Amino acid sequence: MEKVYKAMRNTGVANIAIGIIMIVAGVSTGVIAVVSGANLLKKKAHLSF
């Protein structure tokens, strides 16, 4: 019975770690997108298609 509890604990810890990693990755991606967009708006006058 103790093995089941250890397996459940390890799974919970892994899920929390994966969740934290996903939050950090999402925030990082959002910041990069905002900075890139601001950079494009800043250089809008120099862009030509």
Protein backbone atom coordinates (compact mmCIF):
# COMPACT_ATOMS: atom_id res chain seq x y z
CA MET A 1 0.00 0.00 0.00
CA GLU A 2 2.89 2.34 0.70
CA LYS A 3 4.14 2.00 -2.89
CA VAL A 4 0.83 3.37 -4.15
CA TYR A 5 1.13 6.46 -1.97
CA LYS A 6 4.72 7.04 -3.08
CA ALA A 7 3.69 6.72 -6.72
CA MET A 8 0.83 9.17 -6.20
CA ARG A 9 3.16 11.63 -4.44
CA ASN A 10 5.73 11.42 -7.22
CA THR A 11 3.04 11.95 -9.83
CA GLY A 12 1.75 14.99 -7.97
CA VAL A 13 5.22 16.48 -7.68
CA ALA A 14 5.85 15.90 -11.38
CA ASN A 15 2.54 17.53 -12.31
CA ILE A 16 3.31 20.59 -10.20
CA ALA A 17 6.78 20.88 -11.75
CA ILE A 18 5.38 20.58 -15.28
CA GLY A 19 2.74 23.20 -14.47
CA ILE A 20 5.35 25.66 -13.22
CA ILE A 21 7.47 25.08 -16.32
CA MET A 22 4.45 25.67 -18.58
CA ILE A 23 3.57 28.91 -16.77
CA VAL A 24 7.14 30.20 -17.11
CA ALA A 25 7.25 29.24 -20.79
CA GLY A 26 3.92 30.95 -21.45
CA VAL A 27 4.93 34.16 -19.72
CA SER A 28 8.27 34.19 -21.54
CA THR A 29 6.57 33.69 -24.91
CA GLY A 30 4.13 36.49 -24.15
CA VAL A 31 6.88 38.91 -23.18
CA ILE A 32 8.85 38.10 -26.33
CA ALA A 33 5.74 38.63 -28.48
CA VAL A 34 4.99 42.01 -26.88
CA VAL A 35 8.61 43.18 -27.24
CA SER A 36 8.72 42.07 -30.89
CA GLY A 37 5.44 43.82 -31.64
CA ALA A 38 6.61 47.02 -29.95
CA ASN A 39 9.81 46.86 -31.97
CA LEU A 40 7.82 46.55 -35.21
CA LEU A 41 5.60 49.49 -34.26
CA LYS A 42 8.66 51.55 -33.41
CA LYS A 43 10.21 50.88 -36.84
CA LYS A 44 6.92 51.13 -38.76
CA ALA A 45 8.08 54.14 -40.82
CA HIS A 46 11.05 52.20 -42.21
CA LEU A 47 9.03 49.17 -43.34
CA SER A 48 7.95 48.87 -46.95
CA PHE A 49 6.20 46.03 -48.71
